[in-house]
Amino acid sequence: MALRITESSITSDGTAHTARISPDGWQVSWLPGRTLTRNQAVSALMLTQEASRGIEQGDRLWPHVTVWAGELGLLPRDAVALASASEIEDKELGQ
């Protein structure tokens, strides 16, 4: 899975989630109402990629998930649950 990062958006080939620049900062689709820095937006999209593949504690990439979640002010399990739940909702809505 790979991220595509431009000046105004971040997308992934492994998830439907996106990040877009706004006048106030970065908006990430699975964290509505939050404004993030560019680095936080990248971390949020990296996290969604791992959540979409079903990562669990003990996975070799879990330490990365822990860092990305911490950057967003979330616990790793909560971040994975949020990203996973919103991915399922998007698929159910056909988005």
PDB file of N, CA and C in Angstrom:
ATOM      1  N   MET A   1       0.846  -1.177   0.000  1.00  0.00           N
ATOM      2  CA  MET A   1       0.000   0.000   0.000  1.00  0.00           C
ATOM      3  C   MET A   1       0.890   1.238   0.000  1.00  0.00           C
ATOM      4  N   ALA A   2       0.422   2.255  -0.679  1.00  0.00           N
ATOM      5  CA  ALA A   2       1.217   3.473  -0.796  1.00  0.00           C
ATOM      6  C   ALA A   2       0.334   4.703  -0.620  1.00  0.00           C
ATOM      7  N   LEU A   3       0.956   5.753  -0.101  1.00  0.00           N
ATOM      8  CA  LEU A   3       0.283   7.044   0.003  1.00  0.00           C
ATOM      9  C   LEU A   3       0.703   7.911  -1.165  1.00  0.00           C
ATOM     10  N   ARG A   4      -0.223   8.730  -1.616  1.00  0.00           N
ATOM     11  CA  ARG A   4       0.080   9.756  -2.625  1.00  0.00           C
ATOM     12  C   ARG A   4      -0.104  11.091  -1.920  1.00  0.00           C
ATOM     13  N   ILE A   5       0.981  11.835  -1.780  1.00  0.00           N
ATOM     14  CA  ILE A   5       0.965  13.087  -1.042  1.00  0.00           C
ATOM     15  C   ILE A   5       1.238  14.238  -1.999  1.00  0.00           C
ATOM     16  N   THR A   6       0.294  15.181  -2.045  1.00  0.00           N
ATOM     17  CA  THR A   6       0.470  16.394  -2.841  1.00  0.00           C
ATOM     18  C   THR A   6       0.386  17.593  -1.894  1.00  0.00           C
ATOM     19  N   GLU A   7       0.458  18.771  -2.449  1.00  0.00           N
ATOM     20  CA  GLU A   7       0.362  19.987  -1.635  1.00  0.00           C
ATOM     21  C   GLU A   7      -1.003  20.156  -0.980  1.00  0.00           C
ATOM     22  N   SER A   8      -2.045  19.540  -1.572  1.00  0.00           N
ATOM     23  CA  SER A   8      -3.399  19.777  -1.067  1.00  0.00           C
ATOM     24  C   SER A   8      -4.160  18.525  -0.636  1.00  0.00           C
ATOM     25  N   SER A   9      -3.584  17.340  -0.857  1.00  0.00           N
ATOM     26  CA  SER A   9      -4.306  16.129  -0.470  1.00  0.00           C
ATOM     27  C   SER A   9      -3.353  14.976  -0.192  1.00  0.00           C
ATOM     28  N   ILE A  10      -3.881  14.008   0.546  1.00  0.00           N
ATOM     29  CA  ILE A  10      -3.174  12.755   0.793  1.00  0.00           C
ATOM     30  C   ILE A  10      -4.192  11.645   0.554  1.00  0.00           C
ATOM     31  N   THR A  11      -3.841  10.713  -0.318  1.00  0.00           N
ATOM     32  CA  THR A  11      -4.714   9.582  -0.599  1.00  0.00           C
ATOM     33  C   THR A  11      -3.901   8.298  -0.470  1.00  0.00           C
ATOM     34  N   SER A  12      -4.626   7.193  -0.407  1.00  0.00           N
ATOM     35  CA  SER A  12      -4.002   5.887  -0.259  1.00  0.00           C
ATOM     36  C   SER A  12      -4.574   4.934  -1.288  1.00  0.00           C
ATOM     37  N   ASP A  13      -3.744   4.020  -1.775  1.00  0.00           N
ATOM     38  CA  ASP A  13      -4.269   3.001  -2.674  1.00  0.00           C
ATOM     39  C   ASP A  13      -4.843   1.816  -1.902  1.00  0.00           C
ATOM     40  N   GLY A  14      -4.799   1.884  -0.550  1.00  0.00           N
ATOM     41  CA  GLY A  14      -5.298   0.785   0.249  1.00  0.00           C
ATOM     42  C   GLY A  14      -6.526   1.085   1.079  1.00  0.00           C
ATOM     43  N   THR A  15      -7.005   2.317   1.019  1.00  0.00           N
ATOM     44  CA  THR A  15      -8.165   2.726   1.803  1.00  0.00           C
ATOM     45  C   THR A  15      -8.873   3.881   1.101  1.00  0.00           C
ATOM     46  N   ALA A  16     -10.134   4.051   1.407  1.00  0.00           N
ATOM     47  CA  ALA A  16     -10.907   5.151   0.816  1.00  0.00           C
ATOM     48  C   ALA A  16     -10.692   6.464   1.569  1.00  0.00           C
ATOM     49  N   HIS A  17     -10.059   6.414   2.722  1.00  0.00           N
ATOM     50  CA  HIS A  17      -9.862   7.631   3.507  1.00  0.00           C
ATOM     51  C   HIS A  17      -8.904   8.587   2.818  1.00  0.00           C
ATOM     52  N   THR A  18      -9.141   9.869   3.068  1.00  0.00           N
ATOM     53  CA  THR A  18      -8.322  10.919   2.472  1.00  0.00           C
ATOM     54  C   THR A  18      -8.036  12.004   3.497  1.00  0.00           C
ATOM     55  N   ALA A  19      -7.084  12.843   3.170  1.00  0.00           N
ATOM     56  CA  ALA A  19      -6.812  14.059   3.926  1.00  0.00           C
ATOM     57  C   ALA A  19      -6.757  15.197   2.910  1.00  0.00           C
ATOM     58  N   ARG A  20      -7.327  16.317   3.293  1.00  0.00           N
ATOM     59  CA  ARG A  20      -7.363  17.489   2.413  1.00  0.00           C
ATOM     60  C   ARG A  20      -6.956  18.723   3.211  1.00  0.00           C
ATOM     61  N   ILE A  21      -6.266  19.610   2.538  1.00  0.00           N
ATOM     62  CA  ILE A  21      -5.877  20.866   3.181  1.00  0.00           C
ATOM     63  C   ILE A  21      -7.084  21.792   3.201  1.00  0.00           C
ATOM     64  N   SER A  22      -7.226  22.527   4.284  1.00  0.00           N
ATOM     65  CA  SER A  22      -8.268  23.548   4.409  1.00  0.00           C
ATOM     66  C   SER A  22      -7.579  24.830   4.861  1.00  0.00           C
ATOM     67  N   PRO A  23      -8.299  25.919   4.923  1.00  0.00           N
ATOM     68  CA  PRO A  23      -7.664  27.160   5.382  1.00  0.00           C
ATOM     69  C   PRO A  23      -7.089  27.053   6.805  1.00  0.00           C
ATOM     70  N   ASP A  24      -7.659  26.152   7.622  1.00  0.00           N
ATOM     71  CA  ASP A  24      -7.208  26.024   9.006  1.00  0.00           C
ATOM     72  C   ASP A  24      -6.140  24.960   9.208  1.00  0.00           C
ATOM     73  N   GLY A  25      -5.964  24.054   8.264  1.00  0.00           N
ATOM     74  CA  GLY A  25      -5.019  22.946   8.398  1.00  0.00           C
ATOM     75  C   GLY A  25      -5.532  21.749   7.628  1.00  0.00           C
ATOM     76  N   TRP A  26      -5.132  20.566   8.032  1.00  0.00           N
ATOM     77  CA  TRP A  26      -5.508  19.336   7.335  1.00  0.00           C
ATOM     78  C   TRP A  26      -6.725  18.702   7.973  1.00  0.00           C
ATOM     79  N   GLN A  27      -7.651  18.236   7.138  1.00  0.00           N
ATOM     80  CA  GLN A  27      -8.864  17.532   7.561  1.00  0.00           C
ATOM     81  C   GLN A  27      -8.746  16.092   7.071  1.00  0.00           C
ATOM     82  N   VAL A  28      -8.938  15.132   7.978  1.00  0.00           N
ATOM     83  CA  VAL A  28      -8.849  13.712   7.640  1.00  0.00           C
ATOM     84  C   VAL A  28     -10.245  13.116   7.712  1.00  0.00           C
ATOM     85  N   SER A  29     -10.596  12.325   6.713  1.00  0.00           N
ATOM     86  CA  SER A  29     -11.974  11.824   6.598  1.00  0.00           C
ATOM     87  C   SER A  29     -12.442  11.012   7.807  1.00  0.00           C
ATOM     88  N   TRP A  30     -11.569  10.290   8.462  1.00  0.00           N
ATOM     89  CA  TRP A  30     -12.012   9.470   9.593  1.00  0.00           C
ATOM     90  C   TRP A  30     -11.887  10.185  10.939  1.00  0.00           C
ATOM     91  N   LEU A  31     -11.459  11.426  10.920  1.00  0.00           N
ATOM     92  CA  LEU A  31     -11.397  12.251  12.132  1.00  0.00           C
ATOM     93  C   LEU A  31     -12.147  13.565  11.899  1.00  0.00           C
ATOM     94  N   PRO A  32     -13.450  13.481  11.625  1.00  0.00           N
ATOM     95  CA  PRO A  32     -14.210  14.693  11.304  1.00  0.00           C
ATOM     96  C   PRO A  32     -14.171  15.699  12.450  1.00  0.00           C
ATOM     97  N   GLY A  33     -14.081  16.959  12.077  1.00  0.00           N
ATOM     98  CA  GLY A  33     -14.092  18.024  13.068  1.00  0.00           C
ATOM     99  C   GLY A  33     -12.732  18.350  13.661  1.00  0.00           C
ATOM    100  N   ARG A  34     -11.717  17.580  13.312  1.00  0.00           N
ATOM    101  CA  ARG A  34     -10.374  17.843  13.825  1.00  0.00           C
ATOM    102  C   ARG A  34      -9.531  18.485  12.744  1.00  0.00           C
ATOM    103  N   THR A  35      -8.712  19.427  13.141  1.00  0.00           N
ATOM    104  CA  THR A  35      -7.753  20.044  12.238  1.00  0.00           C
ATOM    105  C   THR A  35      -6.371  19.564  12.650  1.00  0.00           C
ATOM    106  N   LEU A  36      -5.628  19.069  11.690  1.00  0.00           N
ATOM    107  CA  LEU A  36      -4.332  18.463  11.963  1.00  0.00           C
ATOM    108  C   LEU A  36      -3.219  19.176  11.216  1.00  0.00           C
ATOM    109  N   THR A  37      -1.996  18.895  11.637  1.00  0.00           N
ATOM    110  CA  THR A  37      -0.831  19.334  10.873  1.00  0.00           C
ATOM    111  C   THR A  37      -0.639  18.372   9.701  1.00  0.00           C
ATOM    112  N   ARG A  38       0.226  18.727   8.788  1.00  0.00           N
ATOM    113  CA  ARG A  38       0.499  17.847   7.649  1.00  0.00           C
ATOM    114  C   ARG A  38       1.072  16.522   8.145  1.00  0.00           C
ATOM    115  N   ASN A  39       1.995  16.566   9.091  1.00  0.00           N
ATOM    116  CA  ASN A  39       2.586  15.335   9.607  1.00  0.00           C
ATOM    117  C   ASN A  39       1.541  14.452  10.285  1.00  0.00           C
ATOM    118  N   GLN A  40       0.638  15.066  11.029  1.00  0.00           N
ATOM    119  CA  GLN A  40      -0.436  14.292  11.661  1.00  0.00           C
ATOM    120  C   GLN A  40      -1.348  13.661  10.611  1.00  0.00           C
ATOM    121  N   ALA A  41      -1.617  14.385   9.540  1.00  0.00           N
ATOM    122  CA  ALA A  41      -2.464  13.844   8.467  1.00  0.00           C
ATOM    123  C   ALA A  41      -1.797  12.636   7.812  1.00  0.00           C
ATOM    124  N   VAL A  42      -0.498  12.712   7.591  1.00  0.00           N
ATOM    125  CA  VAL A  42       0.231  11.575   7.031  1.00  0.00           C
ATOM    126  C   VAL A  42       0.141  10.391   7.989  1.00  0.00           C
ATOM    127  N   SER A  43       0.350  10.644   9.274  1.00  0.00           N
ATOM    128  CA  SER A  43       0.259   9.574  10.269  1.00  0.00           C
ATOM    129  C   SER A  43      -1.139   8.962  10.298  1.00  0.00           C
ATOM    130  N   ALA A  44      -2.159   9.801  10.193  1.00  0.00           N
ATOM    131  CA  ALA A  44      -3.542   9.311  10.200  1.00  0.00           C
ATOM    132  C   ALA A  44      -3.802   8.396   9.012  1.00  0.00           C
ATOM    133  N   LEU A  45      -3.272   8.746   7.847  1.00  0.00           N
ATOM    134  CA  LEU A  45      -3.476   7.901   6.667  1.00  0.00           C
ATOM    135  C   LEU A  45      -2.635   6.634   6.734  1.00  0.00           C
ATOM    136  N   MET A  46      -1.447   6.708   7.297  1.00  0.00           N
ATOM    137  CA  MET A  46      -0.648   5.497   7.504  1.00  0.00           C
ATOM    138  C   MET A  46      -1.399   4.549   8.434  1.00  0.00           C
ATOM    139  N   LEU A  47      -1.979   5.107   9.466  1.00  0.00           N
ATOM    140  CA  LEU A  47      -2.729   4.312  10.432  1.00  0.00           C
ATOM    141  C   LEU A  47      -3.937   3.638   9.775  1.00  0.00           C
ATOM    142  N   THR A  48      -4.637   4.360   8.916  1.00  0.00           N
ATOM    143  CA  THR A  48      -5.808   3.754   8.258  1.00  0.00           C
ATOM    144  C   THR A  48      -5.407   2.604   7.344  1.00  0.00           C
ATOM    145  N   GLN A  49      -4.260   2.718   6.726  1.00  0.00           N
ATOM    146  CA  GLN A  49      -3.798   1.610   5.877  1.00  0.00           C
ATOM    147  C   GLN A  49      -3.613   0.349   6.711  1.00  0.00           C
ATOM    148  N   GLU A  50      -2.996   0.491   7.867  1.00  0.00           N
ATOM    149  CA  GLU A  50      -2.790  -0.671   8.730  1.00  0.00           C
ATOM    150  C   GLU A  50      -4.120  -1.170   9.298  1.00  0.00           C
ATOM    151  N   ALA A  51      -5.000  -0.256   9.672  1.00  0.00           N
ATOM    152  CA  ALA A  51      -6.312  -0.656  10.199  1.00  0.00           C
ATOM    153  C   ALA A  51      -7.100  -1.423   9.142  1.00  0.00           C
ATOM    154  N   SER A  52      -6.985  -1.014   7.885  1.00  0.00           N
ATOM    155  CA  SER A  52      -7.751  -1.661   6.820  1.00  0.00           C
ATOM    156  C   SER A  52      -7.288  -3.090   6.568  1.00  0.00           C
ATOM    157  N   ARG A  53      -6.060  -3.406   6.941  1.00  0.00           N
ATOM    158  CA  ARG A  53      -5.585  -4.776   6.761  1.00  0.00           C
ATOM    159  C   ARG A  53      -5.778  -5.615   8.017  1.00  0.00           C
ATOM    160  N   GLY A  54      -6.358  -5.015   9.070  1.00  0.00           N
ATOM    161  CA  GLY A  54      -6.698  -5.771  10.267  1.00  0.00           C
ATOM    162  C   GLY A  54      -5.568  -5.929  11.261  1.00  0.00           C
ATOM    163  N   ILE A  55      -4.725  -4.929  11.390  1.00  0.00           N
ATOM    164  CA  ILE A  55      -3.599  -5.006  12.319  1.00  0.00           C
ATOM    165  C   ILE A  55      -4.084  -5.188  13.754  1.00  0.00           C
ATOM    166  N   GLU A  56      -3.333  -5.949  14.529  1.00  0.00           N
ATOM    167  CA  GLU A  56      -3.638  -6.178  15.940  1.00  0.00           C
ATOM    168  C   GLU A  56      -2.375  -6.020  16.763  1.00  0.00           C
ATOM    169  N   GLN A  57      -2.563  -5.793  18.048  1.00  0.00           N
ATOM    170  CA  GLN A  57      -1.434  -5.697  18.949  1.00  0.00           C
ATOM    171  C   GLN A  57      -0.598  -6.967  18.831  1.00  0.00           C
ATOM    172  N   GLY A  58       0.705  -6.808  18.791  1.00  0.00           N
ATOM    173  CA  GLY A  58       1.603  -7.938  18.617  1.00  0.00           C
ATOM    174  C   GLY A  58       2.137  -8.050  17.200  1.00  0.00           C
ATOM    175  N   ASP A  59       1.451  -7.433  16.245  1.00  0.00           N
ATOM    176  CA  ASP A  59       1.932  -7.387  14.864  1.00  0.00           C
ATOM    177  C   ASP A  59       3.274  -6.657  14.846  1.00  0.00           C
ATOM    178  N   ARG A  60       4.134  -7.007  13.936  1.00  0.00           N
ATOM    179  CA  ARG A  60       5.460  -6.379  13.878  1.00  0.00           C
ATOM    180  C   ARG A  60       5.398  -4.877  13.618  1.00  0.00           C
ATOM    181  N   LEU A  61       4.292  -4.389  13.031  1.00  0.00           N
ATOM    182  CA  LEU A  61       4.144  -2.953  12.780  1.00  0.00           C
ATOM    183  C   LEU A  61       3.392  -2.222  13.898  1.00  0.00           C
ATOM    184  N   TRP A  62       2.983  -2.949  14.949  1.00  0.00           N
ATOM    185  CA  TRP A  62       2.236  -2.318  16.038  1.00  0.00           C
ATOM    186  C   TRP A  62       2.992  -1.138  16.667  1.00  0.00           C
ATOM    187  N   PRO A  63       4.314  -1.214  16.834  1.00  0.00           N
ATOM    188  CA  PRO A  63       5.026  -0.040  17.385  1.00  0.00           C
ATOM    189  C   PRO A  63       4.813   1.225  16.552  1.00  0.00           C
ATOM    190  N   HIS A  64       4.712   1.070  15.241  1.00  0.00           N
ATOM    191  CA  HIS A  64       4.443   2.221  14.377  1.00  0.00           C
ATOM    192  C   HIS A  64       3.034   2.754  14.618  1.00  0.00           C
ATOM    193  N   VAL A  65       2.075   1.847  14.734  1.00  0.00           N
ATOM    194  CA  VAL A  65       0.694   2.244  15.024  1.00  0.00           C
ATOM    195  C   VAL A  65       0.646   3.023  16.334  1.00  0.00           C
ATOM    196  N   THR A  66       1.404   2.571  17.314  1.00  0.00           N
ATOM    197  CA  THR A  66       1.457   3.253  18.613  1.00  0.00           C
ATOM    198  C   THR A  66       1.958   4.684  18.456  1.00  0.00           C
ATOM    199  N   VAL A  67       2.984   4.868  17.667  1.00  0.00           N
ATOM    200  CA  VAL A  67       3.535   6.219  17.440  1.00  0.00           C
ATOM    201  C   VAL A  67       2.544   7.088  16.675  1.00  0.00           C
ATOM    202  N   TRP A  68       1.961   6.553  15.596  1.00  0.00           N
ATOM    203  CA  TRP A  68       0.998   7.329  14.806  1.00  0.00           C
ATOM    204  C   TRP A  68      -0.215   7.731  15.646  1.00  0.00           C
ATOM    205  N   ALA A  69      -0.723   6.795  16.420  1.00  0.00           N
ATOM    206  CA  ALA A  69      -1.880   7.090  17.280  1.00  0.00           C
ATOM    207  C   ALA A  69      -1.513   8.151  18.314  1.00  0.00           C
ATOM    208  N   GLY A  70      -0.339   8.023  18.903  1.00  0.00           N
ATOM    209  CA  GLY A  70       0.110   9.012  19.893  1.00  0.00           C
ATOM    210  C   GLY A  70       0.213  10.403  19.300  1.00  0.00           C
ATOM    211  N   GLU A  71       0.666  10.485  18.071  1.00  0.00           N
ATOM    212  CA  GLU A  71       0.761  11.778  17.391  1.00  0.00           C
ATOM    213  C   GLU A  71      -0.623  12.417  17.227  1.00  0.00           C
ATOM    214  N   LEU A  72      -1.645  11.573  17.166  1.00  0.00           N
ATOM    215  CA  LEU A  72      -3.025  12.058  17.025  1.00  0.00           C
ATOM    216  C   LEU A  72      -3.727  12.206  18.368  1.00  0.00           C
ATOM    217  N   GLY A  73      -3.024  11.903  19.455  1.00  0.00           N
ATOM    218  CA  GLY A  73      -3.618  12.000  20.784  1.00  0.00           C
ATOM    219  C   GLY A  73      -4.590  10.868  21.083  1.00  0.00           C
ATOM    220  N   LEU A  74      -4.375   9.713  20.453  1.00  0.00           N
ATOM    221  CA  LEU A  74      -5.262   8.558  20.622  1.00  0.00           C
ATOM    222  C   LEU A  74      -4.477   7.363  21.123  1.00  0.00           C
ATOM    223  N   LEU A  75      -5.160   6.473  21.799  1.00  0.00           N
ATOM    224  CA  LEU A  75      -4.571   5.189  22.141  1.00  0.00           C
ATOM    225  C   LEU A  75      -4.566   4.320  20.888  1.00  0.00           C
ATOM    226  N   PRO A  76      -3.580   3.454  20.721  1.00  0.00           N
ATOM    227  CA  PRO A  76      -3.495   2.662  19.494  1.00  0.00           C
ATOM    228  C   PRO A  76      -4.760   1.862  19.187  1.00  0.00           C
ATOM    229  N   ARG A  77      -5.292   1.163  20.172  1.00  0.00           N
ATOM    230  CA  ARG A  77      -6.494   0.356  19.919  1.00  0.00           C
ATOM    231  C   ARG A  77      -7.677   1.228  19.525  1.00  0.00           C
ATOM    232  N   ASP A  78      -7.799   2.401  20.168  1.00  0.00           N
ATOM    233  CA  ASP A  78      -8.894   3.316  19.832  1.00  0.00           C
ATOM    234  C   ASP A  78      -8.737   3.842  18.410  1.00  0.00           C
ATOM    235  N   ALA A  79      -7.512   4.191  18.047  1.00  0.00           N
ATOM    236  CA  ALA A  79      -7.261   4.717  16.706  1.00  0.00           C
ATOM    237  C   ALA A  79      -7.589   3.667  15.643  1.00  0.00           C
ATOM    238  N   VAL A  80      -7.152   2.438  15.856  1.00  0.00           N
ATOM    239  CA  VAL A  80      -7.435   1.367  14.895  1.00  0.00           C
ATOM    240  C   VAL A  80      -8.938   1.129  14.811  1.00  0.00           C
ATOM    241  N   ALA A  81      -9.616   1.129  15.952  1.00  0.00           N
ATOM    242  CA  ALA A  81     -11.069   0.915  15.959  1.00  0.00           C
ATOM    243  C   ALA A  81     -11.786   2.036  15.211  1.00  0.00           C
ATOM    244  N   LEU A  82     -11.397   3.282  15.450  1.00  0.00           N
ATOM    245  CA  LEU A  82     -12.025   4.422  14.761  1.00  0.00           C
ATOM    246  C   LEU A  82     -11.798   4.347  13.251  1.00  0.00           C
ATOM    247  N   ALA A  83     -10.558   4.113  12.867  1.00  0.00           N
ATOM    248  CA  ALA A  83     -10.236   4.060  11.439  1.00  0.00           C
ATOM    249  C   ALA A  83     -10.933   2.883  10.770  1.00  0.00           C
ATOM    250  N   SER A  84     -10.987   1.748  11.442  1.00  0.00           N
ATOM    251  CA  SER A  84     -11.644   0.563  10.884  1.00  0.00           C
ATOM    252  C   SER A  84     -13.144   0.768  10.762  1.00  0.00           C
ATOM    253  N   ALA A  85     -13.758   1.301  11.808  1.00  0.00           N
ATOM    254  CA  ALA A  85     -15.210   1.509  11.802  1.00  0.00           C
ATOM    255  C   ALA A  85     -15.616   2.480  10.713  1.00  0.00           C
ATOM    256  N   SER A  86     -14.881   3.555  10.560  1.00  0.00           N
ATOM    257  CA  SER A  86     -15.254   4.534   9.541  1.00  0.00           C
ATOM    258  C   SER A  86     -15.003   3.989   8.144  1.00  0.00           C
ATOM    259  N   GLU A  87     -14.028   3.108   7.971  1.00  0.00           N
ATOM    260  CA  GLU A  87     -13.787   2.470   6.673  1.00  0.00           C
ATOM    261  C   GLU A  87     -14.961   1.571   6.317  1.00  0.00           C
ATOM    262  N   ILE A  88     -15.462   0.817   7.269  1.00  0.00           N
ATOM    263  CA  ILE A  88     -16.613  -0.056   7.035  1.00  0.00           C
ATOM    264  C   ILE A  88     -17.849   0.774   6.692  1.00  0.00           C
ATOM    265  N   GLU A  89     -18.064   1.878   7.434  1.00  0.00           N
ATOM    266  CA  GLU A  89     -19.210   2.749   7.158  1.00  0.00           C
ATOM    267  C   GLU A  89     -19.135   3.317   5.754  1.00  0.00           C
ATOM    268  N   ASP A  90     -17.936   3.756   5.331  1.00  0.00           N
ATOM    269  CA  ASP A  90     -17.775   4.299   3.982  1.00  0.00           C
ATOM    270  C   ASP A  90     -18.108   3.248   2.926  1.00  0.00           C
ATOM    271  N   LYS A  91     -17.678   2.000   3.132  1.00  0.00           N
ATOM    272  CA  LYS A  91     -17.961   0.936   2.161  1.00  0.00           C
ATOM    273  C   LYS A  91     -19.458   0.644   2.114  1.00  0.00           C
ATOM    274  N   GLU A  92     -20.107   0.649   3.286  1.00  0.00           N
ATOM    275  CA  GLU A  92     -21.543   0.384   3.330  1.00  0.00           C
ATOM    276  C   GLU A  92     -22.338   1.475   2.647  1.00  0.00           C
ATOM    277  N   LEU A  93     -21.828   2.715   2.714  1.00  0.00           N
ATOM    278  CA  LEU A  93     -22.512   3.833   2.075  1.00  0.00           C
ATOM    279  C   LEU A  93     -22.139   3.969   0.604  1.00  0.00           C
ATOM    280  N   GLY A  94     -21.210   3.124   0.151  1.00  0.00           N
ATOM    281  CA  GLY A  94     -20.796   3.167  -1.246  1.00  0.00           C
ATOM    282  C   GLY A  94     -19.879   4.308  -1.571  1.00  0.00           C
ATOM    283  N   GLN A  95     -19.142   4.779  -0.593  1.00  0.00           N
ATOM    284  CA  GLN A  95     -18.220   5.895  -0.834  1.00  0.00           C
ATOM    285  C   GLN A  95     -16.823   5.405  -1.064  1.00  0.00           C
TER     286      GLN A  95
END
